[in-house]
């Protein structure tokens, strides 16, 4: 335990100026380190929140993709129907070009 003589001695003791400078540098360095750690941790928390938000958005996009592609077997059926319609249109075109070549067109006749 400290007695009053020791407390009086410590209270009246003068520290050398270089020792005070050393303690000041150590304390200021500690404060700078603490501020840097707080800033970096805040940045880390912000980046983790951004990443989490983007992961959620990507998950929603992937869910939408699976919903959009669940009906892909219908593509082949639709393609077959479109091919049939195009073939029929081509047959009509060929027929009309053969027939209209032998018949006089009312618009072009003068």
PDB file of N, CA and C in Angstrom:
ATOM      1  N   UNK A   1       0.832  -1.165   0.000  1.00  0.00           N
ATOM      2  CA  UNK A   1       0.000   0.000   0.000  1.00  0.00           C
ATOM      3  C   UNK A   1       0.884   1.238   0.000  1.00  0.00           C
ATOM      4  N   UNK A   2       0.395   2.259  -0.589  1.00  0.00           N
ATOM      5  CA  UNK A   2       1.151   3.509  -0.633  1.00  0.00           C
ATOM      6  C   UNK A   2       0.888   4.318   0.638  1.00  0.00           C
ATOM      7  N   UNK A   3       1.954   4.778   1.221  1.00  0.00           N
ATOM      8  CA  UNK A   3       1.745   5.655   2.376  1.00  0.00           C
ATOM      9  C   UNK A   3       1.810   7.098   1.894  1.00  0.00           C
ATOM     10  N   UNK A   4       1.580   8.019   2.745  1.00  0.00           N
ATOM     11  CA  UNK A   4       1.517   9.433   2.366  1.00  0.00           C
ATOM     12  C   UNK A   4       2.863   9.956   1.909  1.00  0.00           C
ATOM     13  N   UNK A   5       3.947   9.430   2.472  1.00  0.00           N
ATOM     14  CA  UNK A   5       5.277   9.878   2.029  1.00  0.00           C
ATOM     15  C   UNK A   5       5.519   9.509   0.568  1.00  0.00           C
ATOM     16  N   UNK A   6       5.111   8.311   0.186  1.00  0.00           N
ATOM     17  CA  UNK A   6       5.304   7.865  -1.204  1.00  0.00           C
ATOM     18  C   UNK A   6       4.446   8.695  -2.150  1.00  0.00           C
ATOM     19  N   UNK A   7       3.220   8.975  -1.743  1.00  0.00           N
ATOM     20  CA  UNK A   7       2.331   9.776  -2.585  1.00  0.00           C
ATOM     21  C   UNK A   7       2.893  11.185  -2.738  1.00  0.00           C
ATOM     22  N   UNK A   8       3.390  11.752  -1.644  1.00  0.00           N
ATOM     23  CA  UNK A   8       3.990  13.092  -1.722  1.00  0.00           C
ATOM     24  C   UNK A   8       5.217  13.094  -2.630  1.00  0.00           C
ATOM     25  N   UNK A   9       6.019  12.066  -2.539  1.00  0.00           N
ATOM     26  CA  UNK A   9       7.215  11.971  -3.364  1.00  0.00           C
ATOM     27  C   UNK A   9       6.846  11.877  -4.844  1.00  0.00           C
ATOM     28  N   UNK A  10       5.839  11.048  -5.173  1.00  0.00           N
ATOM     29  CA  UNK A  10       5.408  10.910  -6.568  1.00  0.00           C
ATOM     30  C   UNK A  10       4.774  12.189  -7.085  1.00  0.00           C
ATOM     31  N   UNK A  11       4.067  12.904  -6.229  1.00  0.00           N
ATOM     32  CA  UNK A  11       3.398  14.129  -6.652  1.00  0.00           C
ATOM     33  C   UNK A  11       4.400  15.237  -6.927  1.00  0.00           C
ATOM     34  N   UNK A  12       5.502  15.251  -6.196  1.00  0.00           N
ATOM     35  CA  UNK A  12       6.471  16.329  -6.381  1.00  0.00           C
ATOM     36  C   UNK A  12       7.580  15.958  -7.364  1.00  0.00           C
ATOM     37  N   UNK A  13       7.643  14.697  -7.781  1.00  0.00           N
ATOM     38  CA  UNK A  13       8.703  14.267  -8.677  1.00  0.00           C
ATOM     39  C   UNK A  13       8.463  14.848 -10.060  1.00  0.00           C
ATOM     40  N   UNK A  14       9.498  15.390 -10.646  1.00  0.00           N
ATOM     41  CA  UNK A  14       9.430  15.936 -12.000  1.00  0.00           C
ATOM     42  C   UNK A  14      10.028  14.913 -12.955  1.00  0.00           C
ATOM     43  N   UNK A  15       9.287  14.628 -14.007  1.00  0.00           N
ATOM     44  CA  UNK A  15       9.803  13.723 -15.018  1.00  0.00           C
ATOM     45  C   UNK A  15      10.610  14.521 -16.029  1.00  0.00           C
ATOM     46  N   UNK A  16      11.669  13.930 -16.563  1.00  0.00           N
ATOM     47  CA  UNK A  16      12.449  14.634 -17.584  1.00  0.00           C
ATOM     48  C   UNK A  16      11.602  14.875 -18.829  1.00  0.00           C
ATOM     49  N   UNK A  17      11.939  15.894 -19.557  1.00  0.00           N
ATOM     50  CA  UNK A  17      11.145  16.296 -20.720  1.00  0.00           C
ATOM     51  C   UNK A  17      11.138  15.207 -21.788  1.00  0.00           C
ATOM     52  N   UNK A  18      12.234  14.519 -22.010  1.00  0.00           N
ATOM     53  CA  UNK A  18      12.255  13.467 -23.031  1.00  0.00           C
ATOM     54  C   UNK A  18      11.352  12.298 -22.643  1.00  0.00           C
ATOM     55  N   UNK A  19      11.227  12.038 -21.337  1.00  0.00           N
ATOM     56  CA  UNK A  19      10.332  10.977 -20.888  1.00  0.00           C
ATOM     57  C   UNK A  19       8.876  11.371 -21.098  1.00  0.00           C
ATOM     58  N   UNK A  20       8.548  12.630 -20.868  1.00  0.00           N
ATOM     59  CA  UNK A  20       7.187  13.126 -21.114  1.00  0.00           C
ATOM     60  C   UNK A  20       6.882  13.069 -22.609  1.00  0.00           C
ATOM     61  N   UNK A  21       7.867  13.430 -23.440  1.00  0.00           N
ATOM     62  CA  UNK A  21       7.669  13.359 -24.889  1.00  0.00           C
ATOM     63  C   UNK A  21       7.420  11.914 -25.325  1.00  0.00           C
ATOM     64  N   UNK A  22       8.169  10.988 -24.722  1.00  0.00           N
ATOM     65  CA  UNK A  22       8.010   9.582 -25.055  1.00  0.00           C
ATOM     66  C   UNK A  22       6.596   9.101 -24.726  1.00  0.00           C
ATOM     67  N   UNK A  23       6.096   9.461 -23.553  1.00  0.00           N
ATOM     68  CA  UNK A  23       4.742   9.059 -23.175  1.00  0.00           C
ATOM     69  C   UNK A  23       3.693   9.718 -24.070  1.00  0.00           C
ATOM     70  N   UNK A  24       3.923  10.946 -24.456  1.00  0.00           N
ATOM     71  CA  UNK A  24       2.993  11.639 -25.352  1.00  0.00           C
ATOM     72  C   UNK A  24       2.936  10.930 -26.706  1.00  0.00           C
ATOM     73  N   UNK A  25       4.099  10.538 -27.237  1.00  0.00           N
ATOM     74  CA  UNK A  25       4.146   9.836 -28.516  1.00  0.00           C
ATOM     75  C   UNK A  25       3.436   8.497 -28.404  1.00  0.00           C
ATOM     76  N   UNK A  26       3.658   7.782 -27.345  1.00  0.00           N
ATOM     77  CA  UNK A  26       3.015   6.477 -27.151  1.00  0.00           C
ATOM     78  C   UNK A  26       1.496   6.640 -27.073  1.00  0.00           C
ATOM     79  N   UNK A  27       1.032   7.612 -26.320  1.00  0.00           N
ATOM     80  CA  UNK A  27      -0.415   7.837 -26.182  1.00  0.00           C
ATOM     81  C   UNK A  27      -1.045   8.253 -27.506  1.00  0.00           C
ATOM     82  N   UNK A  28      -0.397   9.158 -28.221  1.00  0.00           N
ATOM     83  CA  UNK A  28      -0.942   9.595 -29.512  1.00  0.00           C
ATOM     84  C   UNK A  28      -0.957   8.450 -30.521  1.00  0.00           C
ATOM     85  N   UNK A  29       0.079   7.623 -30.508  1.00  0.00           N
ATOM     86  CA  UNK A  29       0.111   6.462 -31.387  1.00  0.00           C
ATOM     87  C   UNK A  29      -1.032   5.514 -31.048  1.00  0.00           C
ATOM     88  N   UNK A  30      -1.280   5.323 -29.776  1.00  0.00           N
ATOM     89  CA  UNK A  30      -2.397   4.471 -29.358  1.00  0.00           C
ATOM     90  C   UNK A  30      -3.734   5.002 -29.842  1.00  0.00           C
ATOM     91  N   UNK A  31      -3.921   6.312 -29.744  1.00  0.00           N
ATOM     92  CA  UNK A  31      -5.177   6.918 -30.201  1.00  0.00           C
ATOM     93  C   UNK A  31      -5.317   6.752 -31.713  1.00  0.00           C
ATOM     94  N   UNK A  32      -4.236   6.959 -32.460  1.00  0.00           N
ATOM     95  CA  UNK A  32      -4.283   6.802 -33.919  1.00  0.00           C
ATOM     96  C   UNK A  32      -4.610   5.358 -34.290  1.00  0.00           C
ATOM     97  N   UNK A  33      -4.011   4.407 -33.597  1.00  0.00           N
ATOM     98  CA  UNK A  33      -4.274   2.996 -33.871  1.00  0.00           C
ATOM     99  C   UNK A  33      -5.735   2.659 -33.581  1.00  0.00           C
ATOM    100  N   UNK A  34      -6.252   3.157 -32.484  1.00  0.00           N
ATOM    101  CA  UNK A  34      -7.655   2.883 -32.133  1.00  0.00           C
ATOM    102  C   UNK A  34      -8.593   3.474 -33.181  1.00  0.00           C
ATOM    103  N   UNK A  35      -8.332   4.707 -33.618  1.00  0.00           N
ATOM    104  CA  UNK A  35      -9.181   5.336 -34.646  1.00  0.00           C
ATOM    105  C   UNK A  35      -9.091   4.546 -35.951  1.00  0.00           C
ATOM    106  N   UNK A  36      -7.887   4.093 -36.326  1.00  0.00           N
ATOM    107  CA  UNK A  36      -7.730   3.310 -37.558  1.00  0.00           C
ATOM    108  C   UNK A  36      -8.484   1.992 -37.466  1.00  0.00           C
ATOM    109  N   UNK A  37      -8.420   1.336 -36.318  1.00  0.00           N
ATOM    110  CA  UNK A  37      -9.126   0.060 -36.141  1.00  0.00           C
ATOM    111  C   UNK A  37     -10.626   0.276 -36.229  1.00  0.00           C
ATOM    112  N   UNK A  38     -11.124   1.334 -35.612  1.00  0.00           N
ATOM    113  CA  UNK A  38     -12.561   1.624 -35.669  1.00  0.00           C
ATOM    114  C   UNK A  38     -12.982   1.902 -37.111  1.00  0.00           C
ATOM    115  N   UNK A  39     -12.185   2.686 -37.851  1.00  0.00           N
ATOM    116  CA  UNK A  39     -12.513   2.996 -39.242  1.00  0.00           C
ATOM    117  C   UNK A  39     -12.500   1.740 -40.104  1.00  0.00           C
ATOM    118  N   UNK A  40     -11.501   0.886 -39.934  1.00  0.00           N
ATOM    119  CA  UNK A  40     -11.417  -0.333 -40.736  1.00  0.00           C
ATOM    120  C   UNK A  40     -12.539  -1.313 -40.401  1.00  0.00           C
ATOM    121  N   UNK A  41     -12.881  -1.414 -39.125  1.00  0.00           N
ATOM    122  CA  UNK A  41     -13.993  -2.295 -38.762  1.00  0.00           C
ATOM    123  C   UNK A  41     -15.323  -1.766 -39.297  1.00  0.00           C
ATOM    124  N   UNK A  42     -15.495  -0.460 -39.285  1.00  0.00           N
ATOM    125  CA  UNK A  42     -16.714   0.127 -39.854  1.00  0.00           C
ATOM    126  C   UNK A  42     -16.788  -0.150 -41.352  1.00  0.00           C
ATOM    127  N   UNK A  43     -15.661  -0.010 -42.039  1.00  0.00           N
ATOM    128  CA  UNK A  43     -15.609  -0.315 -43.461  1.00  0.00           C
ATOM    129  C   UNK A  43     -15.922  -1.787 -43.712  1.00  0.00           C
ATOM    130  N   UNK A  44     -15.387  -2.661 -42.893  1.00  0.00           N
ATOM    131  CA  UNK A  44     -15.650  -4.089 -43.032  1.00  0.00           C
ATOM    132  C   UNK A  44     -17.131  -4.401 -42.848  1.00  0.00           C
ATOM    133  N   UNK A  45     -17.752  -3.805 -41.853  1.00  0.00           N
ATOM    134  CA  UNK A  45     -19.183  -4.032 -41.610  1.00  0.00           C
ATOM    135  C   UNK A  45     -20.003  -3.540 -42.799  1.00  0.00           C
ATOM    136  N   UNK A  46     -19.635  -2.379 -43.351  1.00  0.00           N
ATOM    137  CA  UNK A  46     -20.351  -1.830 -44.507  1.00  0.00           C
ATOM    138  C   UNK A  46     -20.196  -2.755 -45.723  1.00  0.00           C
ATOM    139  N   UNK A  47     -18.984  -3.254 -45.957  1.00  0.00           N
ATOM    140  CA  UNK A  47     -18.761  -4.140 -47.098  1.00  0.00           C
ATOM    141  C   UNK A  47     -19.498  -5.464 -46.935  1.00  0.00           C
ATOM    142  N   UNK A  48     -19.526  -6.002 -45.732  1.00  0.00           N
ATOM    143  CA  UNK A  48     -20.250  -7.248 -45.490  1.00  0.00           C
ATOM    144  C   UNK A  48     -21.746  -7.034 -45.723  1.00  0.00           C
ATOM    145  N   UNK A  49     -22.287  -5.911 -45.315  1.00  0.00           N
ATOM    146  CA  UNK A  49     -23.704  -5.622 -45.550  1.00  0.00           C
ATOM    147  C   UNK A  49     -23.987  -5.507 -47.047  1.00  0.00           C
ATOM    148  N   UNK A  50     -23.094  -4.871 -47.799  1.00  0.00           N
ATOM    149  CA  UNK A  50     -23.263  -4.745 -49.250  1.00  0.00           C
ATOM    150  C   UNK A  50     -23.206  -6.115 -49.916  1.00  0.00           C
ATOM    151  N   UNK A  51     -22.247  -6.923 -49.512  1.00  0.00           N
ATOM    152  CA  UNK A  51     -22.128  -8.271 -50.077  1.00  0.00           C
ATOM    153  C   UNK A  51     -23.370  -9.089 -49.758  1.00  0.00           C
ATOM    154  N   UNK A  52     -23.867  -8.990 -48.546  1.00  0.00           N
ATOM    155  CA  UNK A  52     -25.061  -9.736 -48.156  1.00  0.00           C
ATOM    156  C   UNK A  52     -26.263  -9.312 -48.988  1.00  0.00           C
ATOM    157  N   UNK A  53     -26.400  -8.010 -49.208  1.00  0.00           N
ATOM    158  CA  UNK A  53     -27.516  -7.500 -50.006  1.00  0.00           C
ATOM    159  C   UNK A  53     -27.412  -8.003 -51.453  1.00  0.00           C
ATOM    160  N   UNK A  54     -26.188  -8.006 -52.019  1.00  0.00           N
ATOM    161  CA  UNK A  54     -26.011  -8.469 -53.390  1.00  0.00           C
ATOM    162  C   UNK A  54     -26.218  -9.974 -53.517  1.00  0.00           C
ATOM    163  N   UNK A  55     -25.837 -10.727 -52.498  1.00  0.00           N
ATOM    164  CA  UNK A  55     -26.077 -12.175 -52.522  1.00  0.00           C
ATOM    165  C   UNK A  55     -27.574 -12.451 -52.521  1.00  0.00           C
ATOM    166  N   UNK A  56     -28.318 -11.684 -51.765  1.00  0.00           N
ATOM    167  CA  UNK A  56     -29.773 -11.842 -51.739  1.00  0.00           C
ATOM    168  C   UNK A  56     -30.371 -11.522 -53.106  1.00  0.00           C
ATOM    169  N   UNK A  57     -29.872 -10.463 -53.758  1.00  0.00           N
ATOM    170  CA  UNK A  57     -30.362 -10.102 -55.089  1.00  0.00           C
ATOM    171  C   UNK A  57     -30.030 -11.183 -56.108  1.00  0.00           C
ATOM    172  N   UNK A  58     -28.848 -11.744 -56.020  1.00  0.00           N
ATOM    173  CA  UNK A  58     -28.456 -12.810 -56.945  1.00  0.00           C
ATOM    174  C   UNK A  58     -29.312 -14.051 -56.705  1.00  0.00           C
ATOM    175  N   UNK A  59     -29.608 -14.338 -55.454  1.00  0.00           N
ATOM    176  CA  UNK A  59     -30.490 -15.465 -55.149  1.00  0.00           C
ATOM    177  C   UNK A  59     -31.869 -15.272 -55.760  1.00  0.00           C
ATOM    178  N   UNK A  60     -32.384 -14.047 -55.705  1.00  0.00           N
ATOM    179  CA  UNK A  60     -33.678 -13.765 -56.331  1.00  0.00           C
ATOM    180  C   UNK A  60     -33.623 -13.931 -57.835  1.00  0.00           C
ATOM    181  N   UNK A  61     -32.526 -13.511 -58.450  1.00  0.00           N
ATOM    182  CA  UNK A  61     -32.366 -13.669 -59.896  1.00  0.00           C
ATOM    183  C   UNK A  61     -32.302 -15.139 -60.273  1.00  0.00           C
ATOM    184  N   UNK A  62     -31.579 -15.924 -59.503  1.00  0.00           N
ATOM    185  CA  UNK A  62     -31.489 -17.355 -59.793  1.00  0.00           C
ATOM    186  C   UNK A  62     -32.843 -18.042 -59.638  1.00  0.00           C
ATOM    187  N   UNK A  63     -33.625 -17.605 -58.669  1.00  0.00           N
ATOM    188  CA  UNK A  63     -34.967 -18.159 -58.505  1.00  0.00           C
ATOM    189  C   UNK A  63     -35.831 -17.811 -59.712  1.00  0.00           C
ATOM    190  N   UNK A  64     -35.714 -16.574 -60.189  1.00  0.00           N
ATOM    191  CA  UNK A  64     -36.485 -16.161 -61.366  1.00  0.00           C
ATOM    192  C   UNK A  64     -36.057 -16.948 -62.605  1.00  0.00           C
ATOM    193  N   UNK A  65     -34.765 -17.244 -62.717  1.00  0.00           N
ATOM    194  CA  UNK A  65     -34.287 -18.011 -63.866  1.00  0.00           C
ATOM    195  C   UNK A  65     -34.888 -19.413 -63.856  1.00  0.00           C
ATOM    196  N   UNK A  66     -34.917 -20.034 -62.694  1.00  0.00           N
ATOM    197  CA  UNK A  66     -35.493 -21.389 -62.641  1.00  0.00           C
ATOM    198  C   UNK A  66     -36.980 -21.361 -62.952  1.00  0.00           C
ATOM    199  N   UNK A  67     -37.670 -20.302 -62.556  1.00  0.00           N
ATOM    200  CA  UNK A  67     -39.089 -20.201 -62.883  1.00  0.00           C
ATOM    201  C   UNK A  67     -39.284 -19.965 -64.379  1.00  0.00           C
ATOM    202  N   UNK A  68     -38.380 -19.196 -64.995  1.00  0.00           N
ATOM    203  CA  UNK A  68     -38.501 -18.925 -66.424  1.00  0.00           C
ATOM    204  C   UNK A  68     -38.167 -20.152 -67.268  1.00  0.00           C
ATOM    205  N   UNK A  69     -37.279 -20.988 -66.809  1.00  0.00           N
ATOM    206  CA  UNK A  69     -36.846 -22.126 -67.618  1.00  0.00           C
ATOM    207  C   UNK A  69     -37.566 -23.423 -67.287  1.00  0.00           C
ATOM    208  N   UNK A  70     -38.539 -23.379 -66.414  1.00  0.00           N
ATOM    209  CA  UNK A  70     -39.243 -24.620 -66.088  1.00  0.00           C
ATOM    210  C   UNK A  70     -40.156 -25.054 -67.231  1.00  0.00           C
ATOM    211  N   UNK A  71     -40.455 -24.158 -68.164  1.00  0.00           N
ATOM    212  CA  UNK A  71     -41.327 -24.500 -69.290  1.00  0.00           C
ATOM    213  C   UNK A  71     -40.543 -24.679 -70.585  1.00  0.00           C
ATOM    214  N   UNK A  72     -39.261 -24.970 -70.515  1.00  0.00           N
ATOM    215  CA  UNK A  72     -38.458 -25.120 -71.729  1.00  0.00           C
ATOM    216  C   UNK A  72     -38.878 -26.292 -72.609  1.00  0.00           C
ATOM    217  N   UNK A  73     -39.498 -27.354 -72.115  1.00  0.00           N
ATOM    218  CA  UNK A  73     -39.958 -28.394 -73.054  1.00  0.00           C
ATOM    219  C   UNK A  73     -40.977 -27.874 -74.066  1.00  0.00           C
ATOM    220  N   UNK A  74     -41.659 -26.792 -73.739  1.00  0.00           N
ATOM    221  CA  UNK A  74     -42.637 -26.226 -74.673  1.00  0.00           C
ATOM    222  C   UNK A  74     -41.963 -25.562 -75.870  1.00  0.00           C
ATOM    223  N   UNK A  75     -40.661 -25.248 -75.757  1.00  0.00           N
ATOM    224  CA  UNK A  75     -39.971 -24.572 -76.853  1.00  0.00           C
ATOM    225  C   UNK A  75     -39.933 -25.457 -78.089  1.00  0.00           C
ATOM    226  N   UNK A  76     -39.643 -26.736 -77.922  1.00  0.00           N
ATOM    227  CA  UNK A  76     -39.582 -27.635 -79.085  1.00  0.00           C
ATOM    228  C   UNK A  76     -40.953 -27.810 -79.727  1.00  0.00           C
ATOM    229  N   UNK A  77     -41.999 -27.901 -78.929  1.00  0.00           N
ATOM    230  CA  UNK A  77     -43.352 -28.008 -79.480  1.00  0.00           C
ATOM    231  C   UNK A  77     -43.726 -26.746 -80.244  1.00  0.00           C
ATOM    232  N   UNK A  78     -43.389 -25.593 -79.674  1.00  0.00           N
ATOM    233  CA  UNK A  78     -43.693 -24.325 -80.337  1.00  0.00           C
ATOM    234  C   UNK A  78     -42.889 -24.195 -81.621  1.00  0.00           C
ATOM    235  N   UNK A  79     -41.628 -24.599 -81.599  1.00  0.00           N
ATOM    236  CA  UNK A  79     -40.794 -24.518 -82.797  1.00  0.00           C
ATOM    237  C   UNK A  79     -41.359 -25.376 -83.920  1.00  0.00           C
ATOM    238  N   UNK A  80     -41.850 -26.543 -83.591  1.00  0.00           N
ATOM    239  CA  UNK A  80     -42.446 -27.412 -84.612  1.00  0.00           C
ATOM    240  C   UNK A  80     -43.678 -26.749 -85.220  1.00  0.00           C
ATOM    241  N   UNK A  81     -44.497 -26.115 -84.400  1.00  0.00           N
ATOM    242  CA  UNK A  81     -45.680 -25.413 -84.910  1.00  0.00           C
ATOM    243  C   UNK A  81     -45.301 -24.231 -85.784  1.00  0.00           C
ATOM    244  N   UNK A  82     -44.282 -23.497 -85.400  1.00  0.00           N
ATOM    245  CA  UNK A  82     -43.830 -22.345 -86.195  1.00  0.00           C
ATOM    246  C   UNK A  82     -43.277 -22.824 -87.534  1.00  0.00           C
ATOM    247  N   UNK A  83     -42.534 -23.919 -87.527  1.00  0.00           N
ATOM    248  CA  UNK A  83     -42.009 -24.472 -88.779  1.00  0.00           C
ATOM    249  C   UNK A  83     -43.144 -24.878 -89.717  1.00  0.00           C
ATOM    250  N   UNK A  84     -44.198 -25.459 -89.163  1.00  0.00           N
ATOM    251  CA  UNK A  84     -45.340 -25.865 -89.985  1.00  0.00           C
ATOM    252  C   UNK A  84     -46.028 -24.651 -90.594  1.00  0.00           C
ATOM    253  N   UNK A  85     -46.191 -23.594 -89.827  1.00  0.00           N
ATOM    254  CA  UNK A  85     -46.822 -22.368 -90.333  1.00  0.00           C
ATOM    255  C   UNK A  85     -45.955 -21.744 -91.428  1.00  0.00           C
ATOM    256  N   UNK A  86     -44.638 -21.720 -91.230  1.00  0.00           N
ATOM    257  CA  UNK A  86     -43.750 -21.166 -92.251  1.00  0.00           C
ATOM    258  C   UNK A  86     -43.778 -21.995 -93.531  1.00  0.00           C
ATOM    259  N   UNK A  87     -43.816 -23.315 -93.398  1.00  0.00           N
ATOM    260  CA  UNK A  87     -43.882 -24.184 -94.580  1.00  0.00           C
ATOM    261  C   UNK A  87     -45.183 -23.947 -95.344  1.00  0.00           C
ATOM    262  N   UNK A  88     -46.280 -23.812 -94.634  1.00  0.00           N
ATOM    263  CA  UNK A  88     -47.565 -23.534 -95.285  1.00  0.00           C
ATOM    264  C   UNK A  88     -47.537 -22.177 -95.981  1.00  0.00           C
ATOM    265  N   UNK A  89     -46.937 -21.182 -95.337  1.00  0.00           N
ATOM    266  CA  UNK A  89     -46.818 -19.867 -95.972  1.00  0.00           C
ATOM    267  C   UNK A  89     -45.968 -19.927 -97.229  1.00  0.00           C
ATOM    268  N   UNK A  90     -44.889 -20.719 -97.212  1.00  0.00           N
ATOM    269  CA  UNK A  90     -44.043 -20.873 -98.387  1.00  0.00           C
ATOM    270  C   UNK A  90     -44.809 -21.553 -99.524  1.00  0.00           C
ATOM    271  N   UNK A  91     -45.624 -22.571 -99.195  1.00  0.00           N
ATOM    272  CA  UNK A  91     -46.448 -23.234-100.217  1.00  0.00           C
ATOM    273  C   UNK A  91     -47.432 -22.256-100.843  1.00  0.00           C
ATOM    274  N   UNK A  92     -48.045 -21.414-100.039  1.00  0.00           N
ATOM    275  CA  UNK A  92     -48.982 -20.419-100.567  1.00  0.00           C
ATOM    276  C   UNK A  92     -48.236 -19.434-101.460  1.00  0.00           C
ATOM    277  N   UNK A  93     -47.078 -19.030-101.048  1.00  0.00           N
ATOM    278  CA  UNK A  93     -46.292 -18.077-101.846  1.00  0.00           C
ATOM    279  C   UNK A  93     -45.931 -18.685-103.199  1.00  0.00           C
ATOM    280  N   UNK A  94     -45.458 -19.938-103.191  1.00  0.00           N
ATOM    281  CA  UNK A  94     -45.106 -20.588-104.450  1.00  0.00           C
ATOM    282  C   UNK A  94     -46.323 -20.752-105.349  1.00  0.00           C
ATOM    283  N   UNK A  95     -47.447 -21.138-104.762  1.00  0.00           N
ATOM    284  CA  UNK A  95     -48.670 -21.282-105.552  1.00  0.00           C
ATOM    285  C   UNK A  95     -49.092 -19.953-106.164  1.00  0.00           C
ATOM    286  N   UNK A  96     -49.083 -18.913-105.339  1.00  0.00           N
ATOM    287  CA  UNK A  96     -49.542 -17.616-105.833  1.00  0.00           C
ATOM    288  C   UNK A  96     -48.602 -17.053-106.900  1.00  0.00           C
ATOM    289  N   UNK A  97     -47.309 -17.287-106.782  1.00  0.00           N
ATOM    290  CA  UNK A  97     -46.414 -16.771-107.819  1.00  0.00           C
ATOM    291  C   UNK A  97     -46.590 -17.531-109.124  1.00  0.00           C
ATOM    292  N   UNK A  98     -46.942 -18.815-109.092  1.00  0.00           N
ATOM    293  CA  UNK A  98     -47.192 -19.570-110.326  1.00  0.00           C
ATOM    294  C   UNK A  98     -48.514 -19.136-110.951  1.00  0.00           C
ATOM    295  N   UNK A  99     -49.537 -18.976-110.145  1.00  0.00           N
ATOM    296  CA  UNK A  99     -50.863 -18.648-110.665  1.00  0.00           C
ATOM    297  C   UNK A  99     -50.911 -17.211-111.166  1.00  0.00           C
ATOM    298  N   UNK A 100     -50.365 -16.283-110.400  1.00  0.00           N
ATOM    299  CA  UNK A 100     -50.457 -14.871-110.798  1.00  0.00           C
ATOM    300  C   UNK A 100     -49.598 -14.582-112.012  1.00  0.00           C
ATOM    301  N   UNK A 101     -48.624 -15.427-112.313  1.00  0.00           N
ATOM    302  CA  UNK A 101     -47.825 -15.229-113.523  1.00  0.00           C
ATOM    303  C   UNK A 101     -48.629 -15.521-114.777  1.00  0.00           C
ATOM    304  N   UNK A 102     -49.623 -16.418-114.688  1.00  0.00           N
ATOM    305  CA  UNK A 102     -50.416 -16.778-115.869  1.00  0.00           C
ATOM    306  C   UNK A 102     -51.708 -15.976-115.975  1.00  0.00           C
ATOM    307  N   UNK A 103     -52.087 -15.282-114.897  1.00  0.00           N
ATOM    308  CA  UNK A 103     -53.321 -14.485-114.895  1.00  0.00           C
ATOM    309  C   UNK A 103     -52.932 -13.020-114.897  1.00  0.00           C
ATOM    310  N   UNK A 104     -53.679 -12.239-115.672  1.00  0.00           N
ATOM    311  CA  UNK A 104     -53.394 -10.810-115.733  1.00  0.00           C
ATOM    312  C   UNK A 104     -53.836 -10.145-114.439  1.00  0.00           C
ATOM    313  N   UNK A 105     -52.927  -9.350-113.868  1.00  0.00           N
ATOM    314  CA  UNK A 105     -53.220  -8.684-112.601  1.00  0.00           C
ATOM    315  C   UNK A 105     -54.009  -7.422-112.883  1.00  0.00           C
ATOM    316  N   UNK A 106     -55.115  -7.182-112.174  1.00  0.00           N
ATOM    317  CA  UNK A 106     -55.967  -6.029-112.493  1.00  0.00           C
ATOM    318  C   UNK A 106     -55.291  -4.683-112.255  1.00  0.00           C
ATOM    319  N   UNK A 107     -54.345  -4.617-111.339  1.00  0.00           N
ATOM    320  CA  UNK A 107     -53.700  -3.331-111.050  1.00  0.00           C
ATOM    321  C   UNK A 107     -52.694  -2.983-112.132  1.00  0.00           C
ATOM    322  N   UNK A 108     -52.008  -3.962-112.652  1.00  0.00           N
ATOM    323  CA  UNK A 108     -50.958  -3.673-113.634  1.00  0.00           C
ATOM    324  C   UNK A 108     -51.517  -3.544-115.054  1.00  0.00           C
ATOM    325  N   UNK A 109     -52.712  -4.009-115.284  1.00  0.00           N
ATOM    326  CA  UNK A 109     -53.275  -3.885-116.639  1.00  0.00           C
ATOM    327  C   UNK A 109     -53.755  -2.459-116.857  1.00  0.00           C
ATOM    328  N   UNK A 110     -53.507  -1.981-118.036  1.00  0.00           N
ATOM    329  CA  UNK A 110     -53.821  -0.574-118.231  1.00  0.00           C
ATOM    330  C   UNK A 110     -54.831  -0.342-119.180  1.00  0.00           C
TER     331      UNK A 110
END
